[in-house]
């Protein structure tokens, strides 16, 4: 008998803010394994948004944060999690929006 199939969608922004508020760390491989249970994983997706490099000043705190985020997203990709990105734009007010 064929096992049930599952596709996992992770909202990276909401998860990031939740774990930051709770001051915890997540092993994303374990999270995917937990969510898939005994089903066959078709694909796990991680949705996030990042600012464009042109909107940031090099050597700024925002620049360093973007570099850490890129390394994290690369690690997810190496785990087999498909990363889907939206680009943030900086408004004249300085805030970022999708």
PDB file of N, CA and C in Angstrom:
ATOM      1  N   UNK A   1       0.832  -1.183   0.000  1.00  0.00           N
ATOM      2  CA  UNK A   1       0.000   0.000   0.000  1.00  0.00           C
ATOM      3  C   UNK A   1       0.881   1.253   0.000  1.00  0.00           C
ATOM      4  N   UNK A   2       0.538   2.224  -0.834  1.00  0.00           N
ATOM      5  CA  UNK A   2       1.305   3.461  -0.920  1.00  0.00           C
ATOM      6  C   UNK A   2       1.012   4.363   0.268  1.00  0.00           C
ATOM      7  N   UNK A   3       2.072   4.898   0.874  1.00  0.00           N
ATOM      8  CA  UNK A   3       1.838   5.813   1.995  1.00  0.00           C
ATOM      9  C   UNK A   3       1.227   7.128   1.504  1.00  0.00           C
ATOM     10  N   UNK A   4       0.544   7.796   2.401  1.00  0.00           N
ATOM     11  CA  UNK A   4       0.004   9.105   2.105  1.00  0.00           C
ATOM     12  C   UNK A   4       1.152  10.047   1.749  1.00  0.00           C
ATOM     13  N   UNK A   5       0.882  11.022   0.897  1.00  0.00           N
ATOM     14  CA  UNK A   5       1.892  12.015   0.537  1.00  0.00           C
ATOM     15  C   UNK A   5       1.580  13.314   1.268  1.00  0.00           C
ATOM     16  N   UNK A   6       2.637  14.099   1.508  1.00  0.00           N
ATOM     17  CA  UNK A   6       2.461  15.383   2.179  1.00  0.00           C
ATOM     18  C   UNK A   6       3.419  16.414   1.575  1.00  0.00           C
ATOM     19  N   UNK A   7       2.927  17.637   1.475  1.00  0.00           N
ATOM     20  CA  UNK A   7       3.743  18.790   1.099  1.00  0.00           C
ATOM     21  C   UNK A   7       3.688  19.741   2.292  1.00  0.00           C
ATOM     22  N   UNK A   8       4.841  20.259   2.697  1.00  0.00           N
ATOM     23  CA  UNK A   8       4.919  21.126   3.870  1.00  0.00           C
ATOM     24  C   UNK A   8       5.247  22.543   3.419  1.00  0.00           C
ATOM     25  N   UNK A   9       4.481  23.500   3.942  1.00  0.00           N
ATOM     26  CA  UNK A   9       4.692  24.915   3.653  1.00  0.00           C
ATOM     27  C   UNK A   9       5.012  25.632   4.964  1.00  0.00           C
ATOM     28  N   UNK A  10       6.186  26.235   5.039  1.00  0.00           N
ATOM     29  CA  UNK A  10       6.612  26.931   6.253  1.00  0.00           C
ATOM     30  C   UNK A  10       6.641  28.433   5.969  1.00  0.00           C
ATOM     31  N   UNK A  11       5.906  29.188   6.771  1.00  0.00           N
ATOM     32  CA  UNK A  11       5.912  30.652   6.682  1.00  0.00           C
ATOM     33  C   UNK A  11       7.089  31.149   7.513  1.00  0.00           C
ATOM     34  N   UNK A  12       8.188  31.410   6.836  1.00  0.00           N
ATOM     35  CA  UNK A  12       9.428  31.752   7.520  1.00  0.00           C
ATOM     36  C   UNK A  12       9.356  32.983   8.390  1.00  0.00           C
ATOM     37  N   UNK A  13       8.679  34.013   7.928  1.00  0.00           N
ATOM     38  CA  UNK A  13       8.600  35.253   8.688  1.00  0.00           C
ATOM     39  C   UNK A  13       7.847  35.056  10.001  1.00  0.00           C
ATOM     40  N   UNK A  14       6.687  34.438   9.932  1.00  0.00           N
ATOM     41  CA  UNK A  14       5.925  34.206  11.160  1.00  0.00           C
ATOM     42  C   UNK A  14       6.677  33.294  12.113  1.00  0.00           C
ATOM     43  N   UNK A  15       7.294  32.251  11.588  1.00  0.00           N
ATOM     44  CA  UNK A  15       8.047  31.336  12.438  1.00  0.00           C
ATOM     45  C   UNK A  15       9.245  32.040  13.080  1.00  0.00           C
ATOM     46  N   UNK A  16       9.935  32.851  12.295  1.00  0.00           N
ATOM     47  CA  UNK A  16      11.083  33.601  12.813  1.00  0.00           C
ATOM     48  C   UNK A  16      10.682  34.464  14.005  1.00  0.00           C
ATOM     49  N   UNK A  17       9.602  35.227  13.849  1.00  0.00           N
ATOM     50  CA  UNK A  17       9.179  36.124  14.925  1.00  0.00           C
ATOM     51  C   UNK A  17       8.689  35.343  16.150  1.00  0.00           C
ATOM     52  N   UNK A  18       8.052  34.217  15.926  1.00  0.00           N
ATOM     53  CA  UNK A  18       7.570  33.401  17.048  1.00  0.00           C
ATOM     54  C   UNK A  18       8.736  32.818  17.842  1.00  0.00           C
ATOM     55  N   UNK A  19       9.722  32.240  17.151  1.00  0.00           N
ATOM     56  CA  UNK A  19      10.839  31.631  17.883  1.00  0.00           C
ATOM     57  C   UNK A  19      11.713  32.694  18.532  1.00  0.00           C
ATOM     58  N   UNK A  20      11.770  33.866  17.917  1.00  0.00           N
ATOM     59  CA  UNK A  20      12.530  34.964  18.513  1.00  0.00           C
ATOM     60  C   UNK A  20      11.858  35.425  19.811  1.00  0.00           C
ATOM     61  N   UNK A  21      10.538  35.547  19.773  1.00  0.00           N
ATOM     62  CA  UNK A  21       9.795  35.962  20.965  1.00  0.00           C
ATOM     63  C   UNK A  21       9.905  34.915  22.070  1.00  0.00           C
ATOM     64  N   UNK A  22       9.906  33.643  21.682  1.00  0.00           N
ATOM     65  CA  UNK A  22       9.986  32.558  22.659  1.00  0.00           C
ATOM     66  C   UNK A  22      11.423  32.245  23.061  1.00  0.00           C
ATOM     67  N   UNK A  23      12.381  32.850  22.338  1.00  0.00           N
ATOM     68  CA  UNK A  23      13.802  32.645  22.602  1.00  0.00           C
ATOM     69  C   UNK A  23      14.191  31.167  22.519  1.00  0.00           C
ATOM     70  N   UNK A  24      13.804  30.533  21.417  1.00  0.00           N
ATOM     71  CA  UNK A  24      14.151  29.129  21.184  1.00  0.00           C
ATOM     72  C   UNK A  24      14.811  28.986  19.813  1.00  0.00           C
ATOM     73  N   UNK A  25      15.382  27.837  19.583  1.00  0.00           N
ATOM     74  CA  UNK A  25      15.958  27.504  18.276  1.00  0.00           C
ATOM     75  C   UNK A  25      15.215  26.292  17.738  1.00  0.00           C
ATOM     76  N   UNK A  26      15.178  26.192  16.424  1.00  0.00           N
ATOM     77  CA  UNK A  26      14.479  25.082  15.787  1.00  0.00           C
ATOM     78  C   UNK A  26      15.443  24.322  14.883  1.00  0.00           C
ATOM     79  N   UNK A  27      15.390  23.016  14.976  1.00  0.00           N
ATOM     80  CA  UNK A  27      16.086  22.144  14.036  1.00  0.00           C
ATOM     81  C   UNK A  27      15.088  21.890  12.908  1.00  0.00           C
ATOM     82  N   UNK A  28      15.304  22.513  11.778  1.00  0.00           N
ATOM     83  CA  UNK A  28      14.320  22.460  10.692  1.00  0.00           C
ATOM     84  C   UNK A  28      14.181  21.059  10.094  1.00  0.00           C
ATOM     85  N   UNK A  29      15.239  20.291  10.110  1.00  0.00           N
ATOM     86  CA  UNK A  29      15.136  18.917   9.623  1.00  0.00           C
ATOM     87  C   UNK A  29      14.210  18.112  10.533  1.00  0.00           C
ATOM     88  N   UNK A  30      14.370  18.297  11.841  1.00  0.00           N
ATOM     89  CA  UNK A  30      13.489  17.605  12.787  1.00  0.00           C
ATOM     90  C   UNK A  30      12.049  18.097  12.660  1.00  0.00           C
ATOM     91  N   UNK A  31      11.872  19.382  12.399  1.00  0.00           N
ATOM     92  CA  UNK A  31      10.525  19.925  12.207  1.00  0.00           C
ATOM     93  C   UNK A  31       9.852  19.274  11.010  1.00  0.00           C
ATOM     94  N   UNK A  32      10.561  19.188   9.904  1.00  0.00           N
ATOM     95  CA  UNK A  32      10.004  18.551   8.708  1.00  0.00           C
ATOM     96  C   UNK A  32       9.691  17.089   8.980  1.00  0.00           C
ATOM     97  N   UNK A  33      10.605  16.380   9.626  1.00  0.00           N
ATOM     98  CA  UNK A  33      10.367  14.969   9.947  1.00  0.00           C
ATOM     99  C   UNK A  33       9.146  14.801  10.843  1.00  0.00           C
ATOM    100  N   UNK A  34       8.999  15.697  11.823  1.00  0.00           N
ATOM    101  CA  UNK A  34       7.845  15.639  12.721  1.00  0.00           C
ATOM    102  C   UNK A  34       6.544  15.888  11.955  1.00  0.00           C
ATOM    103  N   UNK A  35       6.549  16.872  11.095  1.00  0.00           N
ATOM    104  CA  UNK A  35       5.327  17.216  10.356  1.00  0.00           C
ATOM    105  C   UNK A  35       4.928  16.153   9.336  1.00  0.00           C
ATOM    106  N   UNK A  36       5.912  15.507   8.754  1.00  0.00           N
ATOM    107  CA  UNK A  36       5.567  14.504   7.737  1.00  0.00           C
ATOM    108  C   UNK A  36       5.098  13.191   8.344  1.00  0.00           C
ATOM    109  N   UNK A  37       5.460  12.955   9.592  1.00  0.00           N
ATOM    110  CA  UNK A  37       5.103  11.723  10.295  1.00  0.00           C
ATOM    111  C   UNK A  37       5.491  10.512   9.449  1.00  0.00           C
ATOM    112  N   UNK A  38       4.555   9.599   9.195  1.00  0.00           N
ATOM    113  CA  UNK A  38       4.879   8.390   8.428  1.00  0.00           C
ATOM    114  C   UNK A  38       4.463   8.527   6.965  1.00  0.00           C
ATOM    115  N   UNK A  39       4.209   9.762   6.552  1.00  0.00           N
ATOM    116  CA  UNK A  39       3.815  10.004   5.157  1.00  0.00           C
ATOM    117  C   UNK A  39       5.044  10.225   4.289  1.00  0.00           C
ATOM    118  N   UNK A  40       4.852  10.101   2.984  1.00  0.00           N
ATOM    119  CA  UNK A  40       5.949  10.341   2.044  1.00  0.00           C
ATOM    120  C   UNK A  40       6.004  11.831   1.742  1.00  0.00           C
ATOM    121  N   UNK A  41       7.150  12.430   2.017  1.00  0.00           N
ATOM    122  CA  UNK A  41       7.332  13.858   1.784  1.00  0.00           C
ATOM    123  C   UNK A  41       7.534  14.112   0.293  1.00  0.00           C
ATOM    124  N   UNK A  42       6.647  14.888  -0.280  1.00  0.00           N
ATOM    125  CA  UNK A  42       6.784  15.288  -1.677  1.00  0.00           C
ATOM    126  C   UNK A  42       7.773  16.439  -1.755  1.00  0.00           C
ATOM    127  N   UNK A  43       7.563  17.455  -0.903  1.00  0.00           N
ATOM    128  CA  UNK A  43       8.466  18.607  -0.875  1.00  0.00           C
ATOM    129  C   UNK A  43       8.157  19.448   0.350  1.00  0.00           C
ATOM    130  N   UNK A  44       9.180  20.070   0.910  1.00  0.00           N
ATOM    131  CA  UNK A  44       9.007  21.048   1.984  1.00  0.00           C
ATOM    132  C   UNK A  44       9.438  22.401   1.431  1.00  0.00           C
ATOM    133  N   UNK A  45       8.587  23.402   1.623  1.00  0.00           N
ATOM    134  CA  UNK A  45       8.853  24.756   1.148  1.00  0.00           C
ATOM    135  C   UNK A  45       9.017  25.687   2.340  1.00  0.00           C
ATOM    136  N   UNK A  46       9.921  26.635   2.203  1.00  0.00           N
ATOM    137  CA  UNK A  46      10.137  27.669   3.212  1.00  0.00           C
ATOM    138  C   UNK A  46       9.996  29.007   2.509  1.00  0.00           C
ATOM    139  N   UNK A  47       8.968  29.760   2.902  1.00  0.00           N
ATOM    140  CA  UNK A  47       8.696  31.056   2.287  1.00  0.00           C
ATOM    141  C   UNK A  47       9.231  32.173   3.177  1.00  0.00           C
ATOM    142  N   UNK A  48       9.934  33.109   2.552  1.00  0.00           N
ATOM    143  CA  UNK A  48      10.506  34.223   3.294  1.00  0.00           C
ATOM    144  C   UNK A  48      10.623  35.425   2.365  1.00  0.00           C
ATOM    145  N   UNK A  49      11.024  36.538   2.923  1.00  0.00           N
ATOM    146  CA  UNK A  49      11.267  37.744   2.134  1.00  0.00           C
ATOM    147  C   UNK A  49      12.553  38.379   2.640  1.00  0.00           C
ATOM    148  N   UNK A  50      13.345  38.884   1.705  1.00  0.00           N
ATOM    149  CA  UNK A  50      14.602  39.524   2.078  1.00  0.00           C
ATOM    150  C   UNK A  50      14.716  40.860   1.353  1.00  0.00           C
ATOM    151  N   UNK A  51      15.423  41.811   1.967  1.00  0.00           N
ATOM    152  CA  UNK A  51      15.626  43.093   1.286  1.00  0.00           C
ATOM    153  C   UNK A  51      16.605  42.934   0.133  1.00  0.00           C
ATOM    154  N   UNK A  52      16.539  43.841  -0.789  1.00  0.00           N
ATOM    155  CA  UNK A  52      17.486  43.842  -1.896  1.00  0.00           C
ATOM    156  C   UNK A  52      18.788  44.481  -1.411  1.00  0.00           C
ATOM    157  N   UNK A  53      19.893  43.935  -1.857  1.00  0.00           N
ATOM    158  CA  UNK A  53      21.193  44.442  -1.399  1.00  0.00           C
ATOM    159  C   UNK A  53      21.363  45.913  -1.723  1.00  0.00           C
ATOM    160  N   UNK A  54      20.803  46.361  -2.832  1.00  0.00           N
ATOM    161  CA  UNK A  54      20.950  47.766  -3.240  1.00  0.00           C
ATOM    162  C   UNK A  54      20.285  48.715  -2.241  1.00  0.00           C
ATOM    163  N   UNK A  55      19.369  48.202  -1.423  1.00  0.00           N
ATOM    164  CA  UNK A  55      18.678  49.030  -0.433  1.00  0.00           C
ATOM    165  C   UNK A  55      19.412  49.095   0.900  1.00  0.00           C
ATOM    166  N   UNK A  56      20.541  48.404   1.003  1.00  0.00           N
ATOM    167  CA  UNK A  56      21.269  48.350   2.264  1.00  0.00           C
ATOM    168  C   UNK A  56      22.664  48.944   2.105  1.00  0.00           C
ATOM    169  N   UNK A  57      23.172  49.507   3.169  1.00  0.00           N
ATOM    170  CA  UNK A  57      24.536  50.014   3.173  1.00  0.00           C
ATOM    171  C   UNK A  57      25.455  48.897   3.642  1.00  0.00           C
ATOM    172  N   UNK A  58      26.524  48.682   2.890  1.00  0.00           N
ATOM    173  CA  UNK A  58      27.497  47.664   3.294  1.00  0.00           C
ATOM    174  C   UNK A  58      28.048  47.995   4.675  1.00  0.00           C
ATOM    175  N   UNK A  59      28.389  46.958   5.410  1.00  0.00           N
ATOM    176  CA  UNK A  59      28.946  47.085   6.760  1.00  0.00           C
ATOM    177  C   UNK A  59      27.935  47.642   7.765  1.00  0.00           C
ATOM    178  N   UNK A  60      26.664  47.709   7.387  1.00  0.00           N
ATOM    179  CA  UNK A  60      25.640  48.114   8.349  1.00  0.00           C
ATOM    180  C   UNK A  60      25.113  46.878   9.065  1.00  0.00           C
ATOM    181  N   UNK A  61      24.367  47.111  10.133  1.00  0.00           N
ATOM    182  CA  UNK A  61      23.764  45.995  10.862  1.00  0.00           C
ATOM    183  C   UNK A  61      22.768  45.257   9.969  1.00  0.00           C
ATOM    184  N   UNK A  62      22.021  45.988   9.145  1.00  0.00           N
ATOM    185  CA  UNK A  62      21.067  45.364   8.220  1.00  0.00           C
ATOM    186  C   UNK A  62      21.792  44.484   7.208  1.00  0.00           C
ATOM    187  N   UNK A  63      22.952  44.943   6.733  1.00  0.00           N
ATOM    188  CA  UNK A  63      23.744  44.178   5.758  1.00  0.00           C
ATOM    189  C   UNK A  63      24.201  42.861   6.386  1.00  0.00           C
ATOM    190  N   UNK A  64      24.712  42.943   7.596  1.00  0.00           N
ATOM    191  CA  UNK A  64      25.170  41.744   8.301  1.00  0.00           C
ATOM    192  C   UNK A  64      24.011  40.783   8.548  1.00  0.00           C
ATOM    193  N   UNK A  65      22.852  41.323   8.894  1.00  0.00           N
ATOM    194  CA  UNK A  65      21.664  40.499   9.116  1.00  0.00           C
ATOM    195  C   UNK A  65      21.260  39.786   7.830  1.00  0.00           C
ATOM    196  N   UNK A  66      21.321  40.494   6.710  1.00  0.00           N
ATOM    197  CA  UNK A  66      20.996  39.882   5.414  1.00  0.00           C
ATOM    198  C   UNK A  66      21.971  38.751   5.097  1.00  0.00           C
ATOM    199  N   UNK A  67      23.246  38.935   5.375  1.00  0.00           N
ATOM    200  CA  UNK A  67      24.239  37.896   5.090  1.00  0.00           C
ATOM    201  C   UNK A  67      23.980  36.654   5.941  1.00  0.00           C
ATOM    202  N   UNK A  68      23.617  36.850   7.221  1.00  0.00           N
ATOM    203  CA  UNK A  68      23.272  35.712   8.087  1.00  0.00           C
ATOM    204  C   UNK A  68      22.027  35.010   7.558  1.00  0.00           C
ATOM    205  N   UNK A  69      21.042  35.792   7.118  1.00  0.00           N
ATOM    206  CA  UNK A  69      19.809  35.202   6.595  1.00  0.00           C
ATOM    207  C   UNK A  69      20.096  34.392   5.330  1.00  0.00           C
ATOM    208  N   UNK A  70      20.952  34.890   4.471  1.00  0.00           N
ATOM    209  CA  UNK A  70      21.310  34.159   3.244  1.00  0.00           C
ATOM    210  C   UNK A  70      21.998  32.836   3.583  1.00  0.00           C
ATOM    211  N   UNK A  71      22.900  32.848   4.572  1.00  0.00           N
ATOM    212  CA  UNK A  71      23.569  31.605   4.973  1.00  0.00           C
ATOM    213  C   UNK A  71      22.549  30.603   5.517  1.00  0.00           C
ATOM    214  N   UNK A  72      21.613  31.089   6.319  1.00  0.00           N
ATOM    215  CA  UNK A  72      20.556  30.238   6.862  1.00  0.00           C
ATOM    216  C   UNK A  72      19.725  29.633   5.734  1.00  0.00           C
ATOM    217  N   UNK A  73      19.343  30.437   4.759  1.00  0.00           N
ATOM    218  CA  UNK A  73      18.530  29.948   3.636  1.00  0.00           C
ATOM    219  C   UNK A  73      19.311  28.932   2.801  1.00  0.00           C
ATOM    220  N   UNK A  74      20.605  29.144   2.656  1.00  0.00           N
ATOM    221  CA  UNK A  74      21.453  28.169   1.953  1.00  0.00           C
ATOM    222  C   UNK A  74      21.474  26.834   2.699  1.00  0.00           C
ATOM    223  N   UNK A  75      21.532  26.890   4.031  1.00  0.00           N
ATOM    224  CA  UNK A  75      21.518  25.663   4.835  1.00  0.00           C
ATOM    225  C   UNK A  75      20.200  24.910   4.651  1.00  0.00           C
ATOM    226  N   UNK A  76      19.089  25.649   4.625  1.00  0.00           N
ATOM    227  CA  UNK A  76      17.795  25.003   4.388  1.00  0.00           C
ATOM    228  C   UNK A  76      17.796  24.298   3.037  1.00  0.00           C
ATOM    229  N   UNK A  77      18.322  24.964   2.018  1.00  0.00           N
ATOM    230  CA  UNK A  77      18.387  24.363   0.680  1.00  0.00           C
ATOM    231  C   UNK A  77      19.207  23.080   0.690  1.00  0.00           C
ATOM    232  N   UNK A  78      20.313  23.093   1.418  1.00  0.00           N
ATOM    233  CA  UNK A  78      21.153  21.900   1.502  1.00  0.00           C
ATOM    234  C   UNK A  78      20.424  20.743   2.189  1.00  0.00           C
ATOM    235  N   UNK A  79      19.446  21.060   3.047  1.00  0.00           N
ATOM    236  CA  UNK A  79      18.641  20.032   3.713  1.00  0.00           C
ATOM    237  C   UNK A  79      17.560  19.484   2.792  1.00  0.00           C
ATOM    238  N   UNK A  80      17.403  20.094   1.632  1.00  0.00           N
ATOM    239  CA  UNK A  80      16.357  19.653   0.715  1.00  0.00           C
ATOM    240  C   UNK A  80      15.065  20.444   0.836  1.00  0.00           C
ATOM    241  N   UNK A  81      15.094  21.507   1.638  1.00  0.00           N
ATOM    242  CA  UNK A  81      13.919  22.371   1.780  1.00  0.00           C
ATOM    243  C   UNK A  81      13.985  23.421   0.675  1.00  0.00           C
ATOM    244  N   UNK A  82      12.929  23.520  -0.112  1.00  0.00           N
ATOM    245  CA  UNK A  82      12.876  24.469  -1.227  1.00  0.00           C
ATOM    246  C   UNK A  82      12.564  25.861  -0.692  1.00  0.00           C
ATOM    247  N   UNK A  83      13.484  26.789  -0.885  1.00  0.00           N
ATOM    248  CA  UNK A  83      13.325  28.156  -0.394  1.00  0.00           C
ATOM    249  C   UNK A  83      12.693  29.008  -1.483  1.00  0.00           C
ATOM    250  N   UNK A  84      11.619  29.693  -1.128  1.00  0.00           N
ATOM    251  CA  UNK A  84      10.920  30.610  -2.038  1.00  0.00           C
ATOM    252  C   UNK A  84      11.007  32.002  -1.431  1.00  0.00           C
ATOM    253  N   UNK A  85      11.557  32.955  -2.196  1.00  0.00           N
ATOM    254  CA  UNK A  85      11.791  34.289  -1.669  1.00  0.00           C
ATOM    255  C   UNK A  85      10.981  35.355  -2.385  1.00  0.00           C
ATOM    256  N   UNK A  86      10.519  36.305  -1.601  1.00  0.00           N
ATOM    257  CA  UNK A  86       9.957  37.545  -2.128  1.00  0.00           C
ATOM    258  C   UNK A  86      10.991  38.621  -1.826  1.00  0.00           C
ATOM    259  N   UNK A  87      10.989  39.666  -2.595  1.00  0.00           N
ATOM    260  CA  UNK A  87      11.925  40.772  -2.376  1.00  0.00           C
ATOM    261  C   UNK A  87      11.223  41.890  -1.626  1.00  0.00           C
ATOM    262  N   UNK A  88      11.874  42.375  -0.594  1.00  0.00           N
ATOM    263  CA  UNK A  88      11.357  43.514   0.144  1.00  0.00           C
ATOM    264  C   UNK A  88      11.845  44.798  -0.517  1.00  0.00           C
ATOM    265  N   UNK A  89      10.998  45.821  -0.497  1.00  0.00           N
ATOM    266  CA  UNK A  89      11.383  47.136  -0.995  1.00  0.00           C
ATOM    267  C   UNK A  89      11.403  48.103   0.180  1.00  0.00           C
ATOM    268  N   UNK A  90      12.347  49.021   0.133  1.00  0.00           N
ATOM    269  CA  UNK A  90      12.426  50.030   1.196  1.00  0.00           C
ATOM    270  C   UNK A  90      11.598  51.238   0.777  1.00  0.00           C
ATOM    271  N   UNK A  91      10.695  51.641   1.645  1.00  0.00           N
ATOM    272  CA  UNK A  91       9.893  52.843   1.417  1.00  0.00           C
ATOM    273  C   UNK A  91      10.697  54.080   1.819  1.00  0.00           C
ATOM    274  N   UNK A  92      10.238  55.246   1.431  1.00  0.00           N
ATOM    275  CA  UNK A  92      10.930  56.470   1.808  1.00  0.00           C
ATOM    276  C   UNK A  92      10.993  56.636   3.328  1.00  0.00           C
ATOM    277  N   UNK A  93      10.004  56.043   4.010  1.00  0.00           N
ATOM    278  CA  UNK A  93       9.982  56.106   5.477  1.00  0.00           C
ATOM    279  C   UNK A  93      11.098  55.255   6.091  1.00  0.00           C
ATOM    280  N   UNK A  94      11.720  54.386   5.276  1.00  0.00           N
ATOM    281  CA  UNK A  94      12.763  53.505   5.779  1.00  0.00           C
ATOM    282  C   UNK A  94      12.286  52.115   6.081  1.00  0.00           C
ATOM    283  N   UNK A  95      10.960  51.919   6.086  1.00  0.00           N
ATOM    284  CA  UNK A  95      10.391  50.597   6.340  1.00  0.00           C
ATOM    285  C   UNK A  95      10.468  49.724   5.083  1.00  0.00           C
ATOM    286  N   UNK A  96      10.473  48.407   5.315  1.00  0.00           N
ATOM    287  CA  UNK A  96      10.463  47.453   4.215  1.00  0.00           C
ATOM    288  C   UNK A  96       9.067  46.904   4.023  1.00  0.00           C
ATOM    289  N   UNK A  97       8.673  46.695   2.749  1.00  0.00           N
ATOM    290  CA  UNK A  97       7.390  46.055   2.413  1.00  0.00           C
ATOM    291  C   UNK A  97       7.638  45.072   1.278  1.00  0.00           C
ATOM    292  N   UNK A  98       6.743  44.082   1.172  1.00  0.00           N
ATOM    293  CA  UNK A  98       6.841  43.124   0.064  1.00  0.00           C
ATOM    294  C   UNK A  98       6.324  43.740  -1.190  1.00  0.00           C
TER     295      UNK A  98
END
